[in-house]
């Protein structure tokens, strides 16, 4: 009914948008003519689909967060080594470099 009452708005819309509106209207009409049993099956399938999409989105977000955390850890380690390299180049004692960077004397020696 909304579409019929607002046809003048629909006329001003680009063709692609009009097409999308009518496709959605056709989908709604198809669902509304289902029997009660078919409608229950449709709703159940739609729920499974949405659950799957949500699970995939959640997994993707978790993976991004884990990747970000791993990247921060690698970046922090790289910064510690770079700072130690600079301190070593400035002839700071190994004990101080180890104290400030958390690196071992053996790690500092290999820089």
PDB file of N, CA and C in Angstrom:
ATOM      1  N   UNK A   1       0.828  -1.193   0.000  1.00  0.00           N
ATOM      2  CA  UNK A   1       0.000   0.000   0.000  1.00  0.00           C
ATOM      3  C   UNK A   1       0.869   1.252   0.000  1.00  0.00           C
ATOM      4  N   UNK A   2       1.960   1.207   0.718  1.00  0.00           N
ATOM      5  CA  UNK A   2       2.845   2.370   0.786  1.00  0.00           C
ATOM      6  C   UNK A   2       3.325   2.758  -0.609  1.00  0.00           C
ATOM      7  N   UNK A   3       3.722   1.752  -1.389  1.00  0.00           N
ATOM      8  CA  UNK A   3       4.212   2.007  -2.746  1.00  0.00           C
ATOM      9  C   UNK A   3       3.144   2.681  -3.584  1.00  0.00           C
ATOM     10  N   UNK A   4       1.927   2.175  -3.521  1.00  0.00           N
ATOM     11  CA  UNK A   4       0.850   2.745  -4.319  1.00  0.00           C
ATOM     12  C   UNK A   4       0.540   4.182  -3.908  1.00  0.00           C
ATOM     13  N   UNK A   5       0.580   4.459  -2.615  1.00  0.00           N
ATOM     14  CA  UNK A   5       0.293   5.815  -2.135  1.00  0.00           C
ATOM     15  C   UNK A   5       1.398   6.794  -2.492  1.00  0.00           C
ATOM     16  N   UNK A   6       2.612   6.302  -2.694  1.00  0.00           N
ATOM     17  CA  UNK A   6       3.758   7.184  -2.930  1.00  0.00           C
ATOM     18  C   UNK A   6       4.387   6.967  -4.306  1.00  0.00           C
ATOM     19  N   UNK A   7       3.574   6.703  -5.291  1.00  0.00           N
ATOM     20  CA  UNK A   7       4.078   6.461  -6.641  1.00  0.00           C
ATOM     21  C   UNK A   7       4.818   7.668  -7.219  1.00  0.00           C
ATOM     22  N   UNK A   8       4.408   8.886  -6.863  1.00  0.00           N
ATOM     23  CA  UNK A   8       5.093  10.065  -7.409  1.00  0.00           C
ATOM     24  C   UNK A   8       6.531  10.132  -6.920  1.00  0.00           C
ATOM     25  N   UNK A   9       6.806   9.666  -5.710  1.00  0.00           N
ATOM     26  CA  UNK A   9       8.180   9.602  -5.209  1.00  0.00           C
ATOM     27  C   UNK A   9       8.955   8.551  -5.979  1.00  0.00           C
ATOM     28  N   UNK A  10       8.305   7.444  -6.248  1.00  0.00           N
ATOM     29  CA  UNK A  10       8.936   6.361  -6.987  1.00  0.00           C
ATOM     30  C   UNK A  10       9.309   6.815  -8.397  1.00  0.00           C
ATOM     31  N   UNK A  11       8.477   7.650  -9.022  1.00  0.00           N
ATOM     32  CA  UNK A  11       8.766   8.148 -10.368  1.00  0.00           C
ATOM     33  C   UNK A  11      10.027   9.009 -10.405  1.00  0.00           C
ATOM     34  N   UNK A  12      10.329   9.677  -9.303  1.00  0.00           N
ATOM     35  CA  UNK A  12      11.508  10.549  -9.266  1.00  0.00           C
ATOM     36  C   UNK A  12      12.794   9.792  -8.947  1.00  0.00           C
ATOM     37  N   UNK A  13      12.661   8.549  -8.532  1.00  0.00           N
ATOM     38  CA  UNK A  13      13.840   7.749  -8.179  1.00  0.00           C
ATOM     39  C   UNK A  13      14.526   7.245  -9.443  1.00  0.00           C
ATOM     40  N   UNK A  14      15.847   7.054  -9.383  1.00  0.00           N
ATOM     41  CA  UNK A  14      16.552   6.463 -10.533  1.00  0.00           C
ATOM     42  C   UNK A  14      16.022   5.050 -10.803  1.00  0.00           C
ATOM     43  N   UNK A  15      16.225   4.595 -12.031  1.00  0.00           N
ATOM     44  CA  UNK A  15      15.683   3.299 -12.423  1.00  0.00           C
ATOM     45  C   UNK A  15      16.200   2.179 -11.534  1.00  0.00           C
ATOM     46  N   UNK A  16      17.497   2.198 -11.190  1.00  0.00           N
ATOM     47  CA  UNK A  16      18.073   1.128 -10.367  1.00  0.00           C
ATOM     48  C   UNK A  16      17.392   1.079  -9.002  1.00  0.00           C
ATOM     49  N   UNK A  17      17.104   2.229  -8.425  1.00  0.00           N
ATOM     50  CA  UNK A  17      16.430   2.268  -7.128  1.00  0.00           C
ATOM     51  C   UNK A  17      14.997   1.772  -7.264  1.00  0.00           C
ATOM     52  N   UNK A  18      14.335   2.149  -8.338  1.00  0.00           N
ATOM     53  CA  UNK A  18      12.970   1.665  -8.579  1.00  0.00           C
ATOM     54  C   UNK A  18      12.972   0.142  -8.681  1.00  0.00           C
ATOM     55  N   UNK A  19      13.931  -0.372  -9.425  1.00  0.00           N
ATOM     56  CA  UNK A  19      14.041  -1.809  -9.607  1.00  0.00           C
ATOM     57  C   UNK A  19      14.237  -2.501  -8.255  1.00  0.00           C
ATOM     58  N   UNK A  20      15.081  -1.943  -7.401  1.00  0.00           N
ATOM     59  CA  UNK A  20      15.329  -2.522  -6.085  1.00  0.00           C
ATOM     60  C   UNK A  20      14.059  -2.535  -5.241  1.00  0.00           C
ATOM     61  N   UNK A  21      13.280  -1.457  -5.324  1.00  0.00           N
ATOM     62  CA  UNK A  21      12.026  -1.379  -4.569  1.00  0.00           C
ATOM     63  C   UNK A  21      11.072  -2.473  -5.031  1.00  0.00           C
ATOM     64  N   UNK A  22      10.933  -2.621  -6.329  1.00  0.00           N
ATOM     65  CA  UNK A  22      10.007  -3.622  -6.850  1.00  0.00           C
ATOM     66  C   UNK A  22      10.498  -5.053  -6.593  1.00  0.00           C
ATOM     67  N   UNK A  23      11.798  -5.267  -6.612  1.00  0.00           N
ATOM     68  CA  UNK A  23      12.319  -6.589  -6.282  1.00  0.00           C
ATOM     69  C   UNK A  23      12.011  -6.922  -4.818  1.00  0.00           C
ATOM     70  N   UNK A  24      12.206  -5.965  -3.932  1.00  0.00           N
ATOM     71  CA  UNK A  24      11.894  -6.188  -2.519  1.00  0.00           C
ATOM     72  C   UNK A  24      10.405  -6.433  -2.330  1.00  0.00           C
ATOM     73  N   UNK A  25       9.585  -5.695  -3.045  1.00  0.00           N
ATOM     74  CA  UNK A  25       8.137  -5.879  -2.982  1.00  0.00           C
ATOM     75  C   UNK A  25       7.756  -7.281  -3.452  1.00  0.00           C
ATOM     76  N   UNK A  26       8.396  -7.772  -4.500  1.00  0.00           N
ATOM     77  CA  UNK A  26       8.125  -9.118  -5.005  1.00  0.00           C
ATOM     78  C   UNK A  26       8.538 -10.174  -3.979  1.00  0.00           C
ATOM     79  N   UNK A  27       9.661  -9.951  -3.300  1.00  0.00           N
ATOM     80  CA  UNK A  27      10.096 -10.891  -2.262  1.00  0.00           C
ATOM     81  C   UNK A  27       9.082 -10.961  -1.128  1.00  0.00           C
ATOM     82  N   UNK A  28       8.606  -9.810  -0.702  1.00  0.00           N
ATOM     83  CA  UNK A  28       7.615  -9.760   0.378  1.00  0.00           C
ATOM     84  C   UNK A  28       6.338 -10.476  -0.049  1.00  0.00           C
ATOM     85  N   UNK A  29       5.934 -10.259  -1.298  1.00  0.00           N
ATOM     86  CA  UNK A  29       4.721 -10.906  -1.798  1.00  0.00           C
ATOM     87  C   UNK A  29       4.899 -12.427  -1.843  1.00  0.00           C
ATOM     88  N   UNK A  30       6.076 -12.893  -2.248  1.00  0.00           N
ATOM     89  CA  UNK A  30       6.336 -14.326  -2.311  1.00  0.00           C
ATOM     90  C   UNK A  30       6.248 -14.948  -0.921  1.00  0.00           C
ATOM     91  N   UNK A  31       6.802 -14.281   0.066  1.00  0.00           N
ATOM     92  CA  UNK A  31       6.779 -14.806   1.431  1.00  0.00           C
ATOM     93  C   UNK A  31       5.363 -14.786   1.990  1.00  0.00           C
ATOM     94  N   UNK A  32       4.612 -13.751   1.675  1.00  0.00           N
ATOM     95  CA  UNK A  32       3.269 -13.626   2.243  1.00  0.00           C
ATOM     96  C   UNK A  32       2.296 -14.683   1.701  1.00  0.00           C
ATOM     97  N   UNK A  33       2.580 -15.255   0.532  1.00  0.00           N
ATOM     98  CA  UNK A  33       1.659 -16.259  -0.017  1.00  0.00           C
ATOM     99  C   UNK A  33       2.027 -17.687   0.395  1.00  0.00           C
ATOM    100  N   UNK A  34       3.057 -17.841   1.241  1.00  0.00           N
ATOM    101  CA  UNK A  34       3.447 -19.171   1.705  1.00  0.00           C
ATOM    102  C   UNK A  34       2.409 -19.724   2.678  1.00  0.00           C
ATOM    103  N   UNK A  35       2.299 -21.056   2.698  1.00  0.00           N
ATOM    104  CA  UNK A  35       1.417 -21.692   3.687  1.00  0.00           C
ATOM    105  C   UNK A  35       2.078 -21.570   5.061  1.00  0.00           C
ATOM    106  N   UNK A  36       1.346 -21.900   6.103  1.00  0.00           N
ATOM    107  CA  UNK A  36       1.866 -21.767   7.453  1.00  0.00           C
ATOM    108  C   UNK A  36       3.121 -22.628   7.638  1.00  0.00           C
ATOM    109  N   UNK A  37       3.074 -23.869   7.150  1.00  0.00           N
ATOM    110  CA  UNK A  37       4.221 -24.767   7.276  1.00  0.00           C
ATOM    111  C   UNK A  37       5.421 -24.244   6.479  1.00  0.00           C
ATOM    112  N   UNK A  38       5.165 -23.775   5.249  1.00  0.00           N
ATOM    113  CA  UNK A  38       6.236 -23.223   4.423  1.00  0.00           C
ATOM    114  C   UNK A  38       6.828 -21.970   5.070  1.00  0.00           C
ATOM    115  N   UNK A  39       5.959 -21.167   5.665  1.00  0.00           N
ATOM    116  CA  UNK A  39       6.420 -19.946   6.330  1.00  0.00           C
ATOM    117  C   UNK A  39       7.315 -20.281   7.513  1.00  0.00           C
ATOM    118  N   UNK A  40       6.976 -21.314   8.283  1.00  0.00           N
ATOM    119  CA  UNK A  40       7.818 -21.739   9.403  1.00  0.00           C
ATOM    120  C   UNK A  40       9.180 -22.226   8.899  1.00  0.00           C
ATOM    121  N   UNK A  41       9.156 -22.993   7.803  1.00  0.00           N
ATOM    122  CA  UNK A  41      10.409 -23.463   7.216  1.00  0.00           C
ATOM    123  C   UNK A  41      11.248 -22.286   6.711  1.00  0.00           C
ATOM    124  N   UNK A  42      10.591 -21.342   6.075  1.00  0.00           N
ATOM    125  CA  UNK A  42      11.278 -20.148   5.568  1.00  0.00           C
ATOM    126  C   UNK A  42      11.901 -19.365   6.721  1.00  0.00           C
ATOM    127  N   UNK A  43      11.122 -19.141   7.782  1.00  0.00           N
ATOM    128  CA  UNK A  43      11.628 -18.392   8.934  1.00  0.00           C
ATOM    129  C   UNK A  43      12.806 -19.111   9.578  1.00  0.00           C
ATOM    130  N   UNK A  44      12.705 -20.441   9.668  1.00  0.00           N
ATOM    131  CA  UNK A  44      13.792 -21.228  10.254  1.00  0.00           C
ATOM    132  C   UNK A  44      15.055 -21.115   9.391  1.00  0.00           C
ATOM    133  N   UNK A  45      14.913 -21.230   8.086  1.00  0.00           N
ATOM    134  CA  UNK A  45      16.053 -21.114   7.177  1.00  0.00           C
ATOM    135  C   UNK A  45      16.657 -19.709   7.235  1.00  0.00           C
ATOM    136  N   UNK A  46      15.807 -18.699   7.315  1.00  0.00           N
ATOM    137  CA  UNK A  46      16.282 -17.320   7.409  1.00  0.00           C
ATOM    138  C   UNK A  46      17.058 -17.112   8.707  1.00  0.00           C
ATOM    139  N   UNK A  47      16.558 -17.683   9.800  1.00  0.00           N
ATOM    140  CA  UNK A  47      17.250 -17.578  11.082  1.00  0.00           C
ATOM    141  C   UNK A  47      18.618 -18.248  11.013  1.00  0.00           C
ATOM    142  N   UNK A  48      18.699 -19.455  10.398  1.00  0.00           N
ATOM    143  CA  UNK A  48      19.989 -20.140  10.247  1.00  0.00           C
ATOM    144  C   UNK A  48      20.954 -19.301   9.415  1.00  0.00           C
ATOM    145  N   UNK A  49      20.450 -18.718   8.351  1.00  0.00           N
ATOM    146  CA  UNK A  49      21.287 -17.876   7.492  1.00  0.00           C
ATOM    147  C   UNK A  49      21.835 -16.688   8.278  1.00  0.00           C
ATOM    148  N   UNK A  50      20.964 -15.994   8.999  1.00  0.00           N
ATOM    149  CA  UNK A  50      21.399 -14.822   9.774  1.00  0.00           C
ATOM    150  C   UNK A  50      22.371 -15.213  10.880  1.00  0.00           C
ATOM    151  N   UNK A  51      22.120 -16.352  11.526  1.00  0.00           N
ATOM    152  CA  UNK A  51      23.041 -16.840  12.561  1.00  0.00           C
ATOM    153  C   UNK A  51      24.421 -17.117  11.971  1.00  0.00           C
ATOM    154  N   UNK A  52      24.446 -17.721  10.794  1.00  0.00           N
ATOM    155  CA  UNK A  52      25.714 -18.019  10.126  1.00  0.00           C
ATOM    156  C   UNK A  52      26.453 -16.738   9.770  1.00  0.00           C
ATOM    157  N   UNK A  53      25.727 -15.770   9.218  1.00  0.00           N
ATOM    158  CA  UNK A  53      26.350 -14.495   8.860  1.00  0.00           C
ATOM    159  C   UNK A  53      26.912 -13.816  10.108  1.00  0.00           C
ATOM    160  N   UNK A  54      26.145 -13.821  11.192  1.00  0.00           N
ATOM    161  CA  UNK A  54      26.615 -13.197  12.429  1.00  0.00           C
ATOM    162  C   UNK A  54      27.826 -13.919  12.993  1.00  0.00           C
ATOM    163  N   UNK A  55      27.836 -15.243  12.927  1.00  0.00           N
ATOM    164  CA  UNK A  55      28.980 -16.010  13.414  1.00  0.00           C
ATOM    165  C   UNK A  55      30.225 -15.704  12.586  1.00  0.00           C
ATOM    166  N   UNK A  56      30.060 -15.635  11.280  1.00  0.00           N
ATOM    167  CA  UNK A  56      31.200 -15.330  10.410  1.00  0.00           C
ATOM    168  C   UNK A  56      31.723 -13.919  10.674  1.00  0.00           C
ATOM    169  N   UNK A  57      30.826 -12.980  10.845  1.00  0.00           N
ATOM    170  CA  UNK A  57      31.234 -11.602  11.133  1.00  0.00           C
ATOM    171  C   UNK A  57      31.973 -11.536  12.460  1.00  0.00           C
ATOM    172  N   UNK A  58      31.451 -12.240  13.464  1.00  0.00           N
ATOM    173  CA  UNK A  58      32.117 -12.267  14.763  1.00  0.00           C
ATOM    174  C   UNK A  58      33.494 -12.887  14.683  1.00  0.00           C
ATOM    175  N   UNK A  59      33.624 -13.971  13.949  1.00  0.00           N
ATOM    176  CA  UNK A  59      34.918 -14.632  13.789  1.00  0.00           C
ATOM    177  C   UNK A  59      35.906 -13.723  13.066  1.00  0.00           C
ATOM    178  N   UNK A  60      35.412 -13.019  12.070  1.00  0.00           N
ATOM    179  CA  UNK A  60      36.265 -12.095  11.322  1.00  0.00           C
ATOM    180  C   UNK A  60      36.762 -10.980  12.222  1.00  0.00           C
ATOM    181  N   UNK A  61      35.866 -10.419  13.027  1.00  0.00           N
ATOM    182  CA  UNK A  61      36.259  -9.344  13.941  1.00  0.00           C
ATOM    183  C   UNK A  61      37.253  -9.844  14.980  1.00  0.00           C
ATOM    184  N   UNK A  62      37.039 -11.067  15.472  1.00  0.00           N
ATOM    185  CA  UNK A  62      37.964 -11.642  16.449  1.00  0.00           C
ATOM    186  C   UNK A  62      39.328 -11.842  15.808  1.00  0.00           C
ATOM    187  N   UNK A  63      39.333 -12.330  14.572  1.00  0.00           N
ATOM    188  CA  UNK A  63      40.593 -12.528  13.862  1.00  0.00           C
ATOM    189  C   UNK A  63      41.337 -11.219  13.647  1.00  0.00           C
ATOM    190  N   UNK A  64      40.595 -10.163  13.341  1.00  0.00           N
ATOM    191  CA  UNK A  64      41.215  -8.850  13.161  1.00  0.00           C
ATOM    192  C   UNK A  64      41.826  -8.365  14.469  1.00  0.00           C
ATOM    193  N   UNK A  65      41.105  -8.559  15.572  1.00  0.00           N
ATOM    194  CA  UNK A  65      41.600  -8.127  16.881  1.00  0.00           C
ATOM    195  C   UNK A  65      42.857  -8.913  17.263  1.00  0.00           C
ATOM    196  N   UNK A  66      42.841 -10.227  17.006  1.00  0.00           N
ATOM    197  CA  UNK A  66      44.015 -11.043  17.316  1.00  0.00           C
ATOM    198  C   UNK A  66      45.201 -10.626  16.451  1.00  0.00           C
ATOM    199  N   UNK A  67      44.949 -10.362  15.182  1.00  0.00           N
ATOM    200  CA  UNK A  67      46.017  -9.913  14.284  1.00  0.00           C
ATOM    201  C   UNK A  67      46.581  -8.573  14.703  1.00  0.00           C
ATOM    202  N   UNK A  68      45.707  -7.679  15.141  1.00  0.00           N
ATOM    203  CA  UNK A  68      46.139  -6.367  15.605  1.00  0.00           C
ATOM    204  C   UNK A  68      47.025  -6.507  16.844  1.00  0.00           C
ATOM    205  N   UNK A  69      46.602  -7.365  17.799  1.00  0.00           N
ATOM    206  CA  UNK A  69      47.382  -7.578  19.019  1.00  0.00           C
ATOM    207  C   UNK A  69      48.750  -8.173  18.688  1.00  0.00           C
ATOM    208  N   UNK A  70      48.774  -9.129  17.762  1.00  0.00           N
ATOM    209  CA  UNK A  70      50.045  -9.731  17.361  1.00  0.00           C
ATOM    210  C   UNK A  70      50.950  -8.694  16.707  1.00  0.00           C
ATOM    211  N   UNK A  71      50.373  -7.844  15.877  1.00  0.00           N
ATOM    212  CA  UNK A  71      51.143  -6.782  15.233  1.00  0.00           C
ATOM    213  C   UNK A  71      51.712  -5.792  16.235  1.00  0.00           C
ATOM    214  N   UNK A  72      50.926  -5.469  17.269  1.00  0.00           N
ATOM    215  CA  UNK A  72      51.414  -4.555  18.303  1.00  0.00           C
ATOM    216  C   UNK A  72      52.568  -5.183  19.069  1.00  0.00           C
ATOM    217  N   UNK A  73      52.475  -6.483  19.351  1.00  0.00           N
ATOM    218  CA  UNK A  73      53.549  -7.186  20.059  1.00  0.00           C
ATOM    219  C   UNK A  73      54.826  -7.181  19.229  1.00  0.00           C
ATOM    220  N   UNK A  74      54.690  -7.486  17.949  1.00  0.00           N
ATOM    221  CA  UNK A  74      55.858  -7.493  17.056  1.00  0.00           C
ATOM    222  C   UNK A  74      56.451  -6.092  16.959  1.00  0.00           C
ATOM    223  N   UNK A  75      55.592  -5.090  16.859  1.00  0.00           N
ATOM    224  CA  UNK A  75      56.068  -3.707  16.778  1.00  0.00           C
ATOM    225  C   UNK A  75      56.791  -3.266  18.040  1.00  0.00           C
ATOM    226  N   UNK A  76      56.275  -3.671  19.206  1.00  0.00           N
ATOM    227  CA  UNK A  76      56.916  -3.324  20.466  1.00  0.00           C
ATOM    228  C   UNK A  76      58.292  -3.984  20.564  1.00  0.00           C
ATOM    229  N   UNK A  77      58.381  -5.233  20.145  1.00  0.00           N
ATOM    230  CA  UNK A  77      59.670  -5.940  20.167  1.00  0.00           C
ATOM    231  C   UNK A  77      60.670  -5.274  19.230  1.00  0.00           C
ATOM    232  N   UNK A  78      60.188  -4.879  18.071  1.00  0.00           N
ATOM    233  CA  UNK A  78      61.051  -4.206  17.103  1.00  0.00           C
ATOM    234  C   UNK A  78      61.549  -2.871  17.663  1.00  0.00           C
ATOM    235  N   UNK A  79      60.668  -2.145  18.349  1.00  0.00           N
ATOM    236  CA  UNK A  79      61.050  -0.862  18.949  1.00  0.00           C
ATOM    237  C   UNK A  79      62.080  -1.075  20.053  1.00  0.00           C
ATOM    238  N   UNK A  80      61.891  -2.123  20.869  1.00  0.00           N
ATOM    239  CA  UNK A  80      62.870  -2.398  21.938  1.00  0.00           C
ATOM    240  C   UNK A  80      64.245  -2.681  21.348  1.00  0.00           C
ATOM    241  N   UNK A  81      64.278  -3.470  20.292  1.00  0.00           N
ATOM    242  CA  UNK A  81      65.560  -3.791  19.663  1.00  0.00           C
ATOM    243  C   UNK A  81      66.196  -2.557  19.024  1.00  0.00           C
ATOM    244  N   UNK A  82      65.390  -1.721  18.412  1.00  0.00           N
ATOM    245  CA  UNK A  82      65.914  -0.501  17.793  1.00  0.00           C
ATOM    246  C   UNK A  82      66.471   0.449  18.856  1.00  0.00           C
ATOM    247  N   UNK A  83      65.759   0.562  19.970  1.00  0.00           N
ATOM    248  CA  UNK A  83      66.252   1.397  21.078  1.00  0.00           C
ATOM    249  C   UNK A  83      67.558   0.843  21.625  1.00  0.00           C
ATOM    250  N   UNK A  84      67.632  -0.471  21.769  1.00  0.00           N
ATOM    251  CA  UNK A  84      68.857  -1.096  22.267  1.00  0.00           C
ATOM    252  C   UNK A  84      70.014  -0.858  21.301  1.00  0.00           C
ATOM    253  N   UNK A  85      69.728  -0.940  19.997  1.00  0.00           N
ATOM    254  CA  UNK A  85      70.757  -0.680  18.984  1.00  0.00           C
ATOM    255  C   UNK A  85      71.293   0.750  19.111  1.00  0.00           C
ATOM    256  N   UNK A  86      70.382   1.691  19.313  1.00  0.00           N
ATOM    257  CA  UNK A  86      70.777   3.096  19.463  1.00  0.00           C
ATOM    258  C   UNK A  86      71.594   3.293  20.733  1.00  0.00           C
ATOM    259  N   UNK A  87      71.164   2.693  21.832  1.00  0.00           N
ATOM    260  CA  UNK A  87      71.899   2.809  23.097  1.00  0.00           C
ATOM    261  C   UNK A  87      73.293   2.198  22.971  1.00  0.00           C
ATOM    262  N   UNK A  88      73.363   1.062  22.288  1.00  0.00           N
ATOM    263  CA  UNK A  88      74.651   0.398  22.088  1.00  0.00           C
ATOM    264  C   UNK A  88      75.561   1.275  21.237  1.00  0.00           C
ATOM    265  N   UNK A  89      75.005   1.919  20.218  1.00  0.00           N
ATOM    266  CA  UNK A  89      75.789   2.810  19.366  1.00  0.00           C
ATOM    267  C   UNK A  89      76.304   4.026  20.149  1.00  0.00           C
ATOM    268  N   UNK A  90      75.579   4.417  21.196  1.00  0.00           N
ATOM    269  CA  UNK A  90      75.994   5.536  22.052  1.00  0.00           C
ATOM    270  C   UNK A  90      76.898   5.067  23.190  1.00  0.00           C
ATOM    271  N   UNK A  91      77.358   3.811  23.114  1.00  0.00           N
ATOM    272  CA  UNK A  91      78.278   3.224  24.090  1.00  0.00           C
ATOM    273  C   UNK A  91      77.725   3.165  25.509  1.00  0.00           C
ATOM    274  N   UNK A  92      76.438   2.924  25.655  1.00  0.00           N
ATOM    275  CA  UNK A  92      75.858   2.724  26.980  1.00  0.00           C
ATOM    276  C   UNK A  92      76.262   1.346  27.476  1.00  0.00           C
ATOM    277  N   UNK A  93      76.414   1.177  28.779  1.00  0.00           N
ATOM    278  CA  UNK A  93      76.752  -0.144  29.318  1.00  0.00           C
ATOM    279  C   UNK A  93      75.638  -1.151  29.033  1.00  0.00           C
ATOM    280  N   UNK A  94      76.020  -2.390  28.783  1.00  0.00           N
ATOM    281  CA  UNK A  94      75.078  -3.449  28.449  1.00  0.00           C
ATOM    282  C   UNK A  94      74.058  -3.633  29.566  1.00  0.00           C
ATOM    283  N   UNK A  95      74.492  -3.487  30.824  1.00  0.00           N
ATOM    284  CA  UNK A  95      73.578  -3.664  31.952  1.00  0.00           C
ATOM    285  C   UNK A  95      72.434  -2.644  31.906  1.00  0.00           C
ATOM    286  N   UNK A  96      72.764  -1.395  31.557  1.00  0.00           N
ATOM    287  CA  UNK A  96      71.714  -0.369  31.460  1.00  0.00           C
ATOM    288  C   UNK A  96      70.791  -0.638  30.276  1.00  0.00           C
ATOM    289  N   UNK A  97      71.369  -1.032  29.167  1.00  0.00           N
ATOM    290  CA  UNK A  97      70.552  -1.341  27.989  1.00  0.00           C
ATOM    291  C   UNK A  97      69.581  -2.464  28.327  1.00  0.00           C
ATOM    292  N   UNK A  98      70.080  -3.492  29.004  1.00  0.00           N
ATOM    293  CA  UNK A  98      69.232  -4.617  29.392  1.00  0.00           C
ATOM    294  C   UNK A  98      68.145  -4.156  30.352  1.00  0.00           C
ATOM    295  N   UNK A  99      68.508  -3.277  31.277  1.00  0.00           N
ATOM    296  CA  UNK A  99      67.536  -2.784  32.258  1.00  0.00           C
ATOM    297  C   UNK A  99      66.407  -2.005  31.568  1.00  0.00           C
ATOM    298  N   UNK A 100      66.740  -1.151  30.639  1.00  0.00           N
ATOM    299  CA  UNK A 100      65.739  -0.287  30.007  1.00  0.00           C
ATOM    300  C   UNK A 100      64.928  -0.980  28.907  1.00  0.00           C
ATOM    301  N   UNK A 101      65.534  -1.963  28.252  1.00  0.00           N
ATOM    302  CA  UNK A 101      64.829  -2.599  27.137  1.00  0.00           C
ATOM    303  C   UNK A 101      64.243  -3.958  27.482  1.00  0.00           C
ATOM    304  N   UNK A 102      64.751  -4.591  28.529  1.00  0.00           N
ATOM    305  CA  UNK A 102      64.262  -5.923  28.889  1.00  0.00           C
ATOM    306  C   UNK A 102      64.913  -7.022  28.073  1.00  0.00           C
ATOM    307  N   UNK A 103      65.903  -6.673  27.246  1.00  0.00           N
ATOM    308  CA  UNK A 103      66.626  -7.666  26.456  1.00  0.00           C
ATOM    309  C   UNK A 103      67.745  -8.278  27.303  1.00  0.00           C
ATOM    310  N   UNK A 104      68.145  -9.478  26.945  1.00  0.00           N
ATOM    311  CA  UNK A 104      69.249 -10.118  27.647  1.00  0.00           C
ATOM    312  C   UNK A 104      70.575  -9.603  27.083  1.00  0.00           C
ATOM    313  N   UNK A 105      71.660  -9.848  27.816  1.00  0.00           N
ATOM    314  CA  UNK A 105      72.989  -9.419  27.358  1.00  0.00           C
ATOM    315  C   UNK A 105      73.354 -10.104  26.049  1.00  0.00           C
ATOM    316  N   UNK A 106      72.931 -11.381  25.895  1.00  0.00           N
ATOM    317  CA  UNK A 106      73.223 -12.108  24.652  1.00  0.00           C
ATOM    318  C   UNK A 106      72.473 -11.475  23.463  1.00  0.00           C
ATOM    319  N   UNK A 107      71.229 -11.087  23.681  1.00  0.00           N
ATOM    320  CA  UNK A 107      70.461 -10.440  22.609  1.00  0.00           C
ATOM    321  C   UNK A 107      71.081  -9.107  22.223  1.00  0.00           C
ATOM    322  N   UNK A 108      71.536  -8.375  23.222  1.00  0.00           N
ATOM    323  CA  UNK A 108      72.165  -7.066  22.955  1.00  0.00           C
ATOM    324  C   UNK A 108      73.466  -7.249  22.195  1.00  0.00           C
ATOM    325  N   UNK A 109      74.233  -8.289  22.525  1.00  0.00           N
ATOM    326  CA  UNK A 109      75.506  -8.546  21.848  1.00  0.00           C
ATOM    327  C   UNK A 109      75.305  -8.846  20.365  1.00  0.00           C
ATOM    328  N   UNK A 110      74.166  -9.455  20.014  1.00  0.00           N
ATOM    329  CA  UNK A 110      73.949  -9.799  18.598  1.00  0.00           C
ATOM    330  C   UNK A 110      73.443  -8.630  17.763  1.00  0.00           C
ATOM    331  N   UNK A 111      73.118  -7.513  18.397  1.00  0.00           N
ATOM    332  CA  UNK A 111      72.604  -6.353  17.642  1.00  0.00           C
ATOM    333  C   UNK A 111      73.698  -5.650  16.884  1.00  0.00           C
TER     334      UNK A 111
END
